[in-house]
Amino acid sequence: MNQGNIATLLQAIPLASLLIGRGERILGANDRAVALLGPGLTGRHFITAIRQPTVLDAVEASLRDRETRQTRYLSSAGAQDTAFAVTCSPVETEAGSGVLLCFEDVTHLEQVGQMRRDFVANVSHELRTPLTALLGFIETLRGPARNDPVATERFLGTMQVEASRMERLVKDLLSLSRVEAQERVRPTDRVDLIRLIHAVIHATRPIAEEADVTIVFETEVQEIHVPGDADQLHQILTNLIENAVKYGGPGKTVTVKLAAHSDHPALRGPSAVISVIDQGPGIEEVHIPRLTERFYRVDSHRSREMGGTGLGLAIVKHIVNRHRGRLKVESELGQGTRFDVILPSRAAPPQA
């Protein structure tokens, strides 16, 4: 196989690939390998091009015993580290025995694995605190406070709070799991948004009254329907309105707006926009891109005190994605926060 044939063959491989031949020198490399390892690869000894001990060991072993080897190659070029699964396959060429190296980018798989590990660690942390508190109170009630009715009543109240916290966390975890499982299946039911918003406001009004917050609904739309899952859209609105009530502060107003657009730029088509606006302290800009991450909290202590699990906005994001919509967040310190849920609509009548 001449140099031209080698180059043609390597270019046809959809992975970064290079061929090492006689004298342990590189006989050819495709464009992807050049982008990964740098220019001027052909003719060089493979040690000077790769330089990572695990890969070098795999190549030398494959050259020696003619067995296929697999290893990892790490690259730090660019904005983030990149991981590659490297396969070293023995081949026969006209010039003698050689090894074909193929580099498969597995960064996304490793990121998914890291996300799973972080998720398990976060869940464990969230459950450990209330469980530790419950075990401590149980031990106290069975020991020093056995015959102390005042302490017993106080501890039981705290235990109920901690048990409720765990219940909310488990409930949100199950909800997140269900939403993720359904995310690729687009809902098709016909949902009346005006009726839905009124129902959610009616359901959350007791919480608002207790927090001394007024909920106001504003719209110029007479009727608008979207293809959706009514229960999940109810969950979105409940979460956003309850958050606005909790973090808006007493004596303030939470405004829910509904608008219809014949051609919204975010979706490039007829859309309904539900906005939930509070008059709270606002959110620093650095936090906004991470609000929908699981267990991410702007103020962890305050969020836990208010019963937050850190999963609510993650659930909102997945539901919006399932409905092929968009979620936008705008906030200004001291001025409040605005969440916009943009959903594709079946019929978006023009505003009066």
Protein backbone atom coordinates (compact mmCIF):
# COMPACT_ATOMS: atom_id res chain seq x y z
CA MET A 1 0.00 0.00 0.00
CA ASN A 2 1.61 3.27 -1.12
CA GLN A 3 1.45 6.61 0.68
CA GLY A 4 -1.47 7.85 -1.41
CA ASN A 5 -3.55 4.77 -0.66
CA ILE A 6 -2.80 5.05 3.05
CA ALA A 7 -3.90 8.68 3.10
CA THR A 8 -7.12 7.88 1.22
CA LEU A 9 -7.95 4.99 3.55
CA LEU A 10 -7.30 7.02 6.71
CA GLN A 11 -9.42 9.93 5.46
CA ALA A 12 -12.35 7.51 5.03
CA ILE A 13 -12.25 6.55 8.72
CA PRO A 14 -14.75 8.75 10.67
CA LEU A 15 -12.46 8.92 13.72
CA ALA A 16 -9.10 10.56 14.31
CA SER A 17 -6.76 7.84 13.00
CA LEU A 18 -3.10 7.28 12.26
CA LEU A 19 -1.05 4.34 11.03
CA ILE A 20 2.24 3.35 12.65
CA GLY A 21 4.50 1.10 10.59
CA ARG A 22 8.07 -0.07 10.21
CA GLY A 23 10.58 1.57 12.51
CA GLU A 24 7.69 2.69 14.76
CA ARG A 25 7.18 5.71 12.53
CA ILE A 26 3.86 7.23 11.50
CA LEU A 27 3.00 6.27 7.92
CA GLY A 28 -0.07 8.52 7.69
CA ALA A 29 -2.72 10.43 9.61
CA ASN A 30 -6.12 11.79 8.64
CA ASP A 31 -7.26 15.38 9.13
CA ARG A 32 -8.99 14.56 12.42
CA ALA A 33 -5.76 13.16 13.85
CA VAL A 34 -3.86 16.24 12.67
CA ALA A 35 -6.41 18.47 14.43
CA LEU A 36 -5.99 16.42 17.61
CA LEU A 37 -2.22 15.80 17.67
CA GLY A 38 -0.86 18.65 15.57
CA PRO A 39 0.64 19.00 12.06
CA GLY A 40 3.63 17.20 10.61
CA LEU A 41 2.79 13.73 11.93
CA THR A 42 3.82 11.63 8.94
CA GLY A 43 7.38 10.32 9.18
CA ARG A 44 7.80 11.06 12.89
CA HIS A 45 8.39 8.43 15.56
CA PHE A 46 5.07 7.85 17.28
CA ILE A 47 6.53 8.63 20.73
CA THR A 48 7.17 12.26 19.69
CA ALA A 49 3.58 12.71 18.47
CA ILE A 50 1.48 11.07 21.19
CA ARG A 51 3.53 11.46 24.40
CA GLN A 52 1.01 9.93 26.79
CA PRO A 53 2.45 6.87 28.59
CA THR A 54 -0.77 4.81 28.59
CA VAL A 55 -1.15 5.14 24.81
CA LEU A 56 2.56 4.56 24.18
CA ASP A 57 2.46 1.37 26.26
CA ALA A 58 -0.60 0.13 24.35
CA VAL A 59 1.05 0.78 20.95
CA GLU A 60 4.30 -0.93 21.96
CA ALA A 61 2.41 -3.95 23.33
CA SER A 62 0.33 -4.22 20.15
CA LEU A 63 3.44 -3.99 17.96
CA ARG A 64 5.08 -6.68 20.07
CA ASP A 65 2.37 -9.34 20.41
CA ARG A 66 -0.04 -8.37 17.58
CA GLU A 67 -3.00 -8.11 19.96
CA THR A 68 -5.61 -5.35 19.96
CA ARG A 69 -5.31 -2.95 22.86
CA GLN A 70 -7.68 -0.27 24.22
CA THR A 71 -6.73 2.69 26.37
CA ARG A 72 -7.57 6.37 26.99
CA TYR A 73 -6.10 9.59 25.65
CA LEU A 74 -6.73 12.93 27.36
CA SER A 75 -6.52 16.26 25.57
CA SER A 76 -6.68 19.66 27.25
CA ALA A 77 -6.87 21.70 24.06
CA GLY A 78 -9.81 24.09 23.85
CA ALA A 79 -12.17 25.30 26.55
CA GLN A 80 -12.51 21.93 28.29
CA ASP A 81 -10.70 18.63 28.72
CA THR A 82 -11.52 15.99 26.12
CA ALA A 83 -11.35 12.23 26.65
CA PHE A 84 -10.79 9.70 23.88
CA ALA A 85 -11.10 5.93 23.82
CA VAL A 86 -8.10 4.71 21.83
CA THR A 87 -8.08 1.41 19.95
CA CYS A 88 -4.72 0.02 18.84
CA SER A 89 -5.32 -2.59 16.11
CA PRO A 90 -2.52 -4.61 14.52
CA VAL A 91 -2.50 -4.43 10.69
CA GLU A 92 -0.35 -5.77 7.91
CA THR A 93 1.01 -3.43 5.23
CA GLU A 94 3.33 -3.85 2.27
CA ALA A 95 6.05 -2.40 4.45
CA GLY A 96 5.43 -4.95 7.21
CA SER A 97 3.50 -5.10 10.47
CA GLY A 98 1.95 -1.97 11.87
CA VAL A 99 -0.68 -0.62 14.24
CA LEU A 100 -3.73 1.45 13.39
CA LEU A 101 -4.73 3.93 16.12
CA CYS A 102 -8.31 5.24 16.26
CA PHE A 103 -9.35 7.95 18.71
CA GLU A 104 -13.07 8.02 19.65
CA ASP A 105 -14.31 11.09 21.53
CA VAL A 106 -16.09 9.82 24.67
CA THR A 107 -16.20 13.13 26.53
CA HIS A 108 -20.00 13.25 26.48
CA LEU A 109 -20.21 9.76 27.99
CA GLU A 110 -17.86 10.71 30.79
CA GLN A 111 -19.81 13.88 31.43
CA VAL A 112 -23.02 11.86 31.73
CA GLY A 113 -21.29 9.53 34.17
CA GLN A 114 -20.05 12.49 36.22
CA MET A 115 -23.55 13.98 36.23
CA ARG A 116 -24.92 10.70 37.59
CA ARG A 117 -22.27 10.59 40.30
CA ASP A 118 -22.95 14.21 41.25
CA PHE A 119 -26.68 13.53 41.31
CA VAL A 120 -26.28 10.55 43.66
CA ALA A 121 -23.94 12.57 45.88
CA ASN A 122 -26.42 15.46 46.03
CA VAL A 123 -29.37 13.20 46.82
CA SER A 124 -27.35 11.48 49.53
CA HIS A 125 -26.39 14.83 51.02
CA GLU A 126 -29.97 16.13 50.94
CA LEU A 127 -31.29 13.00 52.66
CA ARG A 128 -28.46 12.67 55.17
CA THR A 129 -29.23 15.90 57.02
CA PRO A 130 -32.89 15.17 57.90
CA LEU A 131 -32.11 11.51 58.55
CA THR A 132 -29.33 12.44 60.97
CA ALA A 133 -31.68 14.86 62.73
CA LEU A 134 -34.43 12.23 63.00
CA LEU A 135 -32.05 9.62 64.41
CA GLY A 136 -30.75 12.12 66.96
CA PHE A 137 -34.23 13.10 68.11
CA ILE A 138 -35.34 9.45 68.34
CA GLU A 139 -32.30 8.65 70.48
CA THR A 140 -33.07 11.63 72.73
CA LEU A 141 -36.75 10.70 73.07
CA ARG A 142 -35.81 7.18 74.04
CA GLY A 143 -33.25 8.46 76.54
CA PRO A 144 -32.99 11.81 78.40
CA ALA A 145 -36.37 13.15 77.21
CA ARG A 146 -38.31 9.94 77.80
CA ASN A 147 -40.43 11.47 80.56
CA ASP A 148 -40.31 15.11 79.47
CA PRO A 149 -43.63 15.94 77.70
CA VAL A 150 -42.52 19.49 76.77
CA ALA A 151 -39.30 18.27 75.10
CA THR A 152 -41.18 15.39 73.51
CA GLU A 153 -43.69 17.74 71.91
CA ARG A 154 -40.93 20.05 70.65
CA PHE A 155 -38.84 17.21 69.22
CA LEU A 156 -41.85 15.59 67.54
CA GLY A 157 -42.63 18.90 65.83
CA THR A 158 -39.09 19.14 64.50
CA MET A 159 -39.16 15.50 63.43
CA GLN A 160 -42.32 16.16 61.45
CA VAL A 161 -40.63 19.07 59.66
CA GLU A 162 -37.61 16.92 58.74
CA ALA A 163 -39.79 13.99 57.63
CA SER A 164 -41.85 16.36 55.46
CA ARG A 165 -38.63 17.64 53.92
CA MET A 166 -37.63 14.11 52.95
CA GLU A 167 -41.12 13.46 51.58
CA ARG A 168 -40.91 16.55 49.36
CA LEU A 169 -37.48 15.51 48.11
CA VAL A 170 -38.61 11.99 47.23
CA LYS A 171 -41.75 13.37 45.57
CA ASP A 172 -39.69 15.76 43.43
CA LEU A 173 -37.20 13.02 42.54
CA LEU A 174 -40.02 10.79 41.33
CA SER A 175 -41.55 13.69 39.42
CA LEU A 176 -38.22 14.51 37.76
CA SER A 177 -37.77 10.87 36.80
CA ARG A 178 -41.22 10.71 35.20
CA VAL A 179 -40.70 13.95 33.28
CA GLU A 180 -37.31 12.82 31.95
CA ALA A 181 -38.81 9.49 30.85
CA GLN A 182 -41.52 11.32 28.88
CA GLU A 183 -39.36 14.14 27.53
CA ARG A 184 -39.07 12.74 23.99
CA VAL A 185 -42.82 12.16 23.70
CA ARG A 186 -44.53 15.40 22.71
CA PRO A 187 -47.95 15.87 24.39
CA THR A 188 -50.94 16.40 22.13
CA ASP A 189 -53.89 17.15 24.43
CA ARG A 190 -55.65 20.50 24.00
CA VAL A 191 -55.05 22.68 27.07
CA ASP A 192 -56.97 25.90 27.79
CA LEU A 193 -54.29 28.16 29.30
CA ILE A 194 -56.66 30.77 30.74
CA ARG A 195 -58.64 28.16 32.64
CA LEU A 196 -55.41 26.49 33.78
CA ILE A 197 -53.90 29.72 35.09
CA HIS A 198 -57.07 30.56 37.02
CA ALA A 199 -57.03 27.08 38.58
CA VAL A 200 -53.40 27.38 39.68
CA ILE A 201 -53.89 30.87 41.13
CA HIS A 202 -56.95 29.62 43.06
CA ALA A 203 -54.92 26.68 44.43
CA THR A 204 -51.94 28.83 45.48
CA ARG A 205 -53.95 31.72 46.94
CA PRO A 206 -53.92 30.28 50.52
CA ILE A 207 -50.10 30.17 50.43
CA ALA A 208 -50.02 33.74 49.12
CA GLU A 209 -52.42 35.00 51.80
CA GLU A 210 -50.34 33.37 54.51
CA ALA A 211 -47.23 35.10 53.10
CA ASP A 212 -49.11 38.44 52.72
CA VAL A 213 -48.60 38.38 48.94
CA THR A 214 -51.15 39.37 46.30
CA ILE A 215 -51.41 37.38 43.06
CA VAL A 216 -52.65 39.32 40.00
CA PHE A 217 -53.52 37.84 36.60
CA GLU A 218 -53.26 40.08 33.54
CA THR A 219 -54.13 39.19 29.95
CA GLU A 220 -55.74 40.63 26.86
CA VAL A 221 -56.24 37.20 25.32
CA GLN A 222 -59.82 35.95 25.19
CA GLU A 223 -58.95 32.32 24.49
CA ILE A 224 -55.82 30.36 23.69
CA HIS A 225 -55.05 26.66 23.63
CA VAL A 226 -51.73 24.84 23.44
CA PRO A 227 -50.91 21.19 22.76
CA GLY A 228 -49.75 19.94 26.12
CA ASP A 229 -50.05 17.87 29.25
CA ALA A 230 -52.42 19.73 31.58
CA ASP A 231 -50.97 18.17 34.76
CA GLN A 232 -47.40 19.06 33.81
CA LEU A 233 -48.31 22.61 32.79
CA HIS A 234 -50.15 22.91 36.11
CA GLN A 235 -46.92 21.77 37.80
CA ILE A 236 -44.89 24.44 35.97
CA LEU A 237 -47.21 27.25 37.00
CA THR A 238 -47.53 26.02 40.58
CA ASN A 239 -43.77 25.87 40.97
CA LEU A 240 -43.12 29.32 39.47
CA ILE A 241 -45.95 31.04 41.37
CA GLU A 242 -45.04 29.42 44.69
CA ASN A 243 -41.39 30.44 44.20
CA ALA A 244 -42.47 34.01 43.42
CA VAL A 245 -44.63 34.07 46.56
CA LYS A 246 -41.87 32.64 48.78
CA TYR A 247 -39.05 34.83 47.53
CA GLY A 248 -40.99 37.97 46.60
CA GLY A 249 -41.44 39.05 50.20
CA PRO A 250 -44.48 40.09 52.30
CA GLY A 251 -46.62 42.98 51.15
CA LYS A 252 -45.55 42.48 47.53
CA THR A 253 -47.42 41.46 44.38
CA VAL A 254 -46.87 38.50 42.10
CA THR A 255 -48.10 39.18 38.57
CA VAL A 256 -49.02 36.39 36.16
CA LYS A 257 -49.32 37.50 32.53
CA LEU A 258 -50.52 35.65 29.45
CA ALA A 259 -49.82 36.91 25.95
CA ALA A 260 -50.32 35.48 22.47
CA HIS A 261 -47.89 35.94 19.58
CA SER A 262 -48.56 35.05 15.97
CA ASP A 263 -44.83 34.57 15.29
CA HIS A 264 -42.64 34.55 18.41
CA PRO A 265 -38.92 34.74 17.53
CA ALA A 266 -37.97 32.11 20.13
CA LEU A 267 -40.13 29.46 18.46
CA ARG A 268 -40.60 31.02 14.99
CA GLY A 269 -44.30 30.39 15.04
CA PRO A 270 -47.56 30.97 16.94
CA SER A 271 -46.82 30.98 20.64
CA ALA A 272 -48.29 31.59 24.07
CA VAL A 273 -46.13 33.33 26.67
CA ILE A 274 -46.84 32.89 30.37
CA SER A 275 -44.90 35.29 32.58
CA VAL A 276 -44.55 35.07 36.36
CA ILE A 277 -43.13 38.28 37.83
CA ASP A 278 -42.23 38.97 41.45
CA GLN A 279 -41.05 42.10 43.28
CA GLY A 280 -38.37 40.36 45.31
CA PRO A 281 -34.68 41.14 45.78
CA GLY A 282 -33.75 39.76 42.38
CA ILE A 283 -31.03 37.31 41.37
CA GLU A 284 -27.43 38.11 40.52
CA GLU A 285 -26.67 37.57 36.84
CA VAL A 286 -23.97 34.99 37.59
CA HIS A 287 -26.60 32.63 39.04
CA ILE A 288 -29.19 32.82 36.23
CA PRO A 289 -27.62 30.30 33.79
CA ARG A 290 -27.48 27.70 36.57
CA LEU A 291 -30.95 28.11 38.07
CA THR A 292 -32.33 25.01 36.32
CA GLU A 293 -29.49 22.73 37.45
CA ARG A 294 -30.48 20.01 39.87
CA PHE A 295 -29.94 21.03 43.50
CA TYR A 296 -28.54 24.42 42.53
CA ARG A 297 -29.62 27.10 44.99
CA VAL A 298 -28.82 30.80 45.03
CA ASP A 299 -29.25 30.83 48.82
CA SER A 300 -29.04 27.25 50.13
CA HIS A 301 -29.92 28.03 53.75
CA ARG A 302 -32.94 30.17 52.90
CA SER A 303 -34.16 27.71 50.29
CA ARG A 304 -34.10 24.81 52.75
CA GLU A 305 -35.83 26.89 55.42
CA MET A 306 -38.64 27.55 52.95
CA GLY A 307 -38.98 23.88 52.08
CA GLY A 308 -37.19 23.98 48.73
CA THR A 309 -35.63 20.79 47.39
CA GLY A 310 -33.48 22.38 44.69
CA LEU A 311 -35.28 20.36 41.99
CA GLY A 312 -38.27 22.55 41.15
CA LEU A 313 -36.74 24.56 38.31
CA ALA A 314 -35.02 21.47 36.92
CA ILE A 315 -38.47 19.87 36.65
CA VAL A 316 -39.82 23.05 35.02
CA LYS A 317 -37.02 22.99 32.43
CA HIS A 318 -37.67 19.36 31.46
CA ILE A 319 -41.43 19.92 31.18
CA VAL A 320 -40.89 22.98 28.98
CA ASN A 321 -38.49 20.95 26.82
CA ARG A 322 -41.08 18.19 26.46
CA HIS A 323 -43.58 20.78 25.20
CA ARG A 324 -40.95 22.05 22.71
CA GLY A 325 -41.02 25.43 24.42
CA ARG A 326 -38.48 27.84 25.90
CA LEU A 327 -37.82 29.10 29.43
CA LYS A 328 -36.39 32.60 29.86
CA VAL A 329 -35.29 34.24 33.11
CA GLU A 330 -34.72 37.95 33.60
CA SER A 331 -33.77 39.54 36.89
CA GLU A 332 -32.40 42.76 38.28
CA LEU A 333 -31.15 43.18 41.82
CA GLY A 334 -33.69 45.09 43.88
CA GLN A 335 -36.27 44.98 41.09
CA GLY A 336 -37.50 41.38 41.10
CA THR A 337 -37.41 38.40 38.76
CA ARG A 338 -39.39 37.41 35.68
CA PHE A 339 -39.84 33.87 34.35
CA ASP A 340 -41.24 33.51 30.83
CA VAL A 341 -42.59 30.15 29.65
CA ILE A 342 -42.95 30.24 25.85
CA LEU A 343 -45.11 27.45 24.41
CA PRO A 344 -46.11 26.68 20.81
CA SER A 345 -49.84 27.32 20.40
CA ARG A 346 -52.46 25.86 18.12
CA ALA A 347 -54.22 29.14 17.77
CA ALA A 348 -52.83 32.44 18.91
CA PRO A 349 -55.44 35.12 18.33
CA PRO A 350 -54.02 38.65 18.07
CA GLN A 351 -54.20 40.81 21.13
CA ALA A 352 -56.86 43.50 21.19
